[in-house]
Amino acid sequence: MLGHSYRFRVQNTQNQAITVALTARLWKFGSDGSITWSSEVTLIASGSVSATTGTAVSSNYDNSTDKWMGAELALSCTAAVTTNGSGVVAVTLERSTDAGTTWPTAGQGEPVGGYTVTAADTTSTRSKSLTVD
């Protein structure tokens, strides 16, 4: 579940910079019990995440009004050049219990999923679907 105050983090363990983007369609239950979907939102715009320990963080979201429960996520990864090693571009969900003043340390949020960038991966964009329930 997304929680009251949340954000997403993408962390790169590949040995080179990777361009990433993270988009989502959020969902919740309507008053009649059916699932209600948001329009697609960009959580992390396409941008370079530096090599080995780089991270990109979404905006902080206050979920007290919309009350979204989960999300279907799309992670897009593009290597600048053919890769020369293996690494993971990992996505975590971070929750704050004090309305966004403090957050988990990088890499200590709830794992959502990621994409394994393999040696000799080409510069093509790779997309992966992830979910938060």
Protein backbone atom coordinates (compact mmCIF):
# COMPACT_ATOMS: atom_id res chain seq x y z
CA MET A 1 0.00 0.00 0.00
CA LEU A 2 1.22 3.49 -0.79
CA GLY A 3 0.64 5.06 2.63
CA HIS A 4 -0.11 8.60 3.82
CA SER A 5 3.17 10.25 2.74
CA TYR A 6 5.19 8.41 0.09
CA ARG A 7 7.75 8.74 -2.66
CA PHE A 8 9.67 6.45 -4.99
CA ARG A 9 13.43 6.07 -5.37
CA VAL A 10 15.38 4.55 -8.27
CA GLN A 11 18.90 3.36 -7.43
CA ASN A 12 21.56 2.41 -10.00
CA THR A 13 24.15 -0.30 -9.19
CA GLN A 14 25.38 -0.54 -12.79
CA ASN A 15 28.95 0.67 -13.34
CA GLN A 16 27.82 3.46 -15.67
CA ALA A 17 25.11 6.10 -15.79
CA ILE A 18 21.67 4.87 -16.84
CA THR A 19 18.78 7.06 -18.06
CA VAL A 20 15.59 6.15 -16.20
CA ALA A 21 11.95 7.20 -16.13
CA LEU A 22 9.19 5.98 -13.80
CA THR A 23 5.49 6.44 -14.58
CA ALA A 24 2.37 5.16 -12.82
CA ARG A 25 -1.37 4.69 -12.87
CA LEU A 26 -2.63 4.83 -9.31
CA TRP A 27 -5.68 2.91 -8.08
CA LYS A 28 -8.15 2.83 -5.21
CA PHE A 29 -11.60 1.43 -4.52
CA GLY A 30 -14.58 3.61 -5.46
CA SER A 31 -17.65 3.98 -3.24
CA ASP A 32 -19.32 1.12 -5.14
CA GLY A 33 -16.34 -1.21 -4.55
CA SER A 34 -14.99 -1.03 -8.09
CA ILE A 35 -11.39 -0.07 -8.85
CA THR A 36 -10.88 3.58 -9.80
CA TRP A 37 -7.77 4.51 -11.81
CA SER A 38 -5.84 7.76 -12.12
CA SER A 39 -4.54 9.02 -15.42
CA GLU A 40 -0.88 8.20 -16.03
CA VAL A 41 1.49 10.32 -13.93
CA THR A 42 5.22 10.80 -14.27
CA LEU A 43 6.89 10.05 -10.95
CA ILE A 44 10.49 10.41 -12.13
CA ALA A 45 11.09 12.16 -15.43
CA SER A 46 13.62 10.69 -17.81
CA GLY A 47 17.03 11.60 -16.49
CA SER A 48 20.49 10.18 -15.95
CA VAL A 49 21.20 8.30 -12.73
CA SER A 50 24.93 8.25 -12.04
CA ALA A 51 27.03 5.10 -11.99
CA THR A 52 27.25 2.58 -9.15
CA THR A 53 25.48 4.44 -6.31
CA GLY A 54 23.37 7.08 -8.04
CA THR A 55 19.75 7.62 -7.10
CA ALA A 56 16.77 9.58 -8.39
CA VAL A 57 13.85 10.40 -6.10
CA SER A 58 10.28 11.33 -7.01
CA SER A 59 8.40 14.20 -5.44
CA ASN A 60 6.89 13.65 -2.00
CA TYR A 61 3.20 12.78 -2.20
CA ASP A 62 0.62 13.57 0.48
CA ASN A 63 -2.01 10.88 0.00
CA SER A 64 -4.43 12.12 2.69
CA THR A 65 -6.92 13.53 0.15
CA ASP A 66 -6.76 11.16 -2.84
CA LYS A 67 -6.26 7.99 -0.75
CA TRP A 68 -4.62 5.96 -3.53
CA MET A 69 -3.90 2.42 -2.38
CA GLY A 70 -1.57 1.04 -5.04
CA ALA A 71 0.02 1.65 -8.40
CA GLU A 72 0.94 0.02 -11.67
CA LEU A 73 4.41 1.30 -12.49
CA ALA A 74 6.41 1.40 -15.71
CA LEU A 75 10.19 1.63 -15.37
CA SER A 76 12.17 2.62 -18.44
CA CYS A 77 15.97 2.19 -18.54
CA THR A 78 18.39 3.24 -21.27
CA ALA A 79 22.16 2.78 -21.20
CA ALA A 80 24.21 5.61 -22.70
CA VAL A 81 26.46 3.08 -24.44
CA THR A 82 26.66 -0.70 -24.57
CA THR A 83 27.19 -1.79 -20.98
CA ASN A 84 30.40 -3.43 -19.82
CA GLY A 85 29.18 -5.01 -16.60
CA SER A 86 26.05 -6.15 -14.82
CA GLY A 87 23.99 -4.21 -12.31
CA VAL A 88 20.46 -3.49 -11.18
CA VAL A 89 18.29 -0.43 -11.49
CA ALA A 90 16.12 -0.93 -8.39
CA VAL A 91 12.86 0.81 -7.46
CA THR A 92 11.83 1.25 -3.82
CA LEU A 93 8.78 2.79 -2.17
CA GLU A 94 9.60 5.09 0.75
CA ARG A 95 7.07 6.12 3.37
CA SER A 96 7.33 8.94 5.88
CA THR A 97 5.44 8.81 9.16
CA ASP A 98 5.98 12.52 9.87
CA ALA A 99 4.39 14.00 6.73
CA GLY A 100 7.60 14.02 4.68
CA THR A 101 10.18 15.43 7.10
CA THR A 102 12.20 12.21 7.36
CA TRP A 103 12.56 9.33 4.91
CA PRO A 104 14.33 5.96 4.88
CA THR A 105 18.00 6.01 3.98
CA ALA A 106 18.68 5.32 0.29
CA GLY A 107 18.11 1.65 -0.44
CA GLN A 108 16.16 1.07 2.78
CA GLY A 109 12.65 1.58 1.43
CA GLU A 110 10.27 -1.23 0.47
CA PRO A 111 11.56 -3.04 -2.62
CA VAL A 112 9.13 -2.75 -5.54
CA GLY A 113 11.28 -4.30 -8.28
CA GLY A 114 13.77 -3.27 -10.89
CA TYR A 115 15.57 -4.10 -14.09
CA THR A 116 18.80 -6.11 -14.30
CA VAL A 117 21.15 -4.45 -16.76
CA THR A 118 23.36 -7.21 -18.17
CA ALA A 119 26.83 -7.00 -19.66
CA ALA A 120 26.72 -5.91 -23.32
CA ASP A 121 23.15 -4.57 -22.98
CA THR A 122 22.55 -2.24 -25.90
CA THR A 123 21.47 1.37 -25.75
CA SER A 124 17.86 0.40 -26.47
CA THR A 125 15.26 1.46 -23.97
CA ARG A 126 14.10 -1.42 -21.78
CA SER A 127 10.74 -1.21 -20.04
CA LYS A 128 9.43 -3.23 -17.12
CA SER A 129 6.06 -3.27 -15.38
CA LEU A 130 5.96 -3.24 -11.58
CA THR A 131 3.13 -3.10 -9.04
CA VAL A 132 2.55 -1.76 -5.55
CA ASP A 133 -0.33 -3.46 -3.74
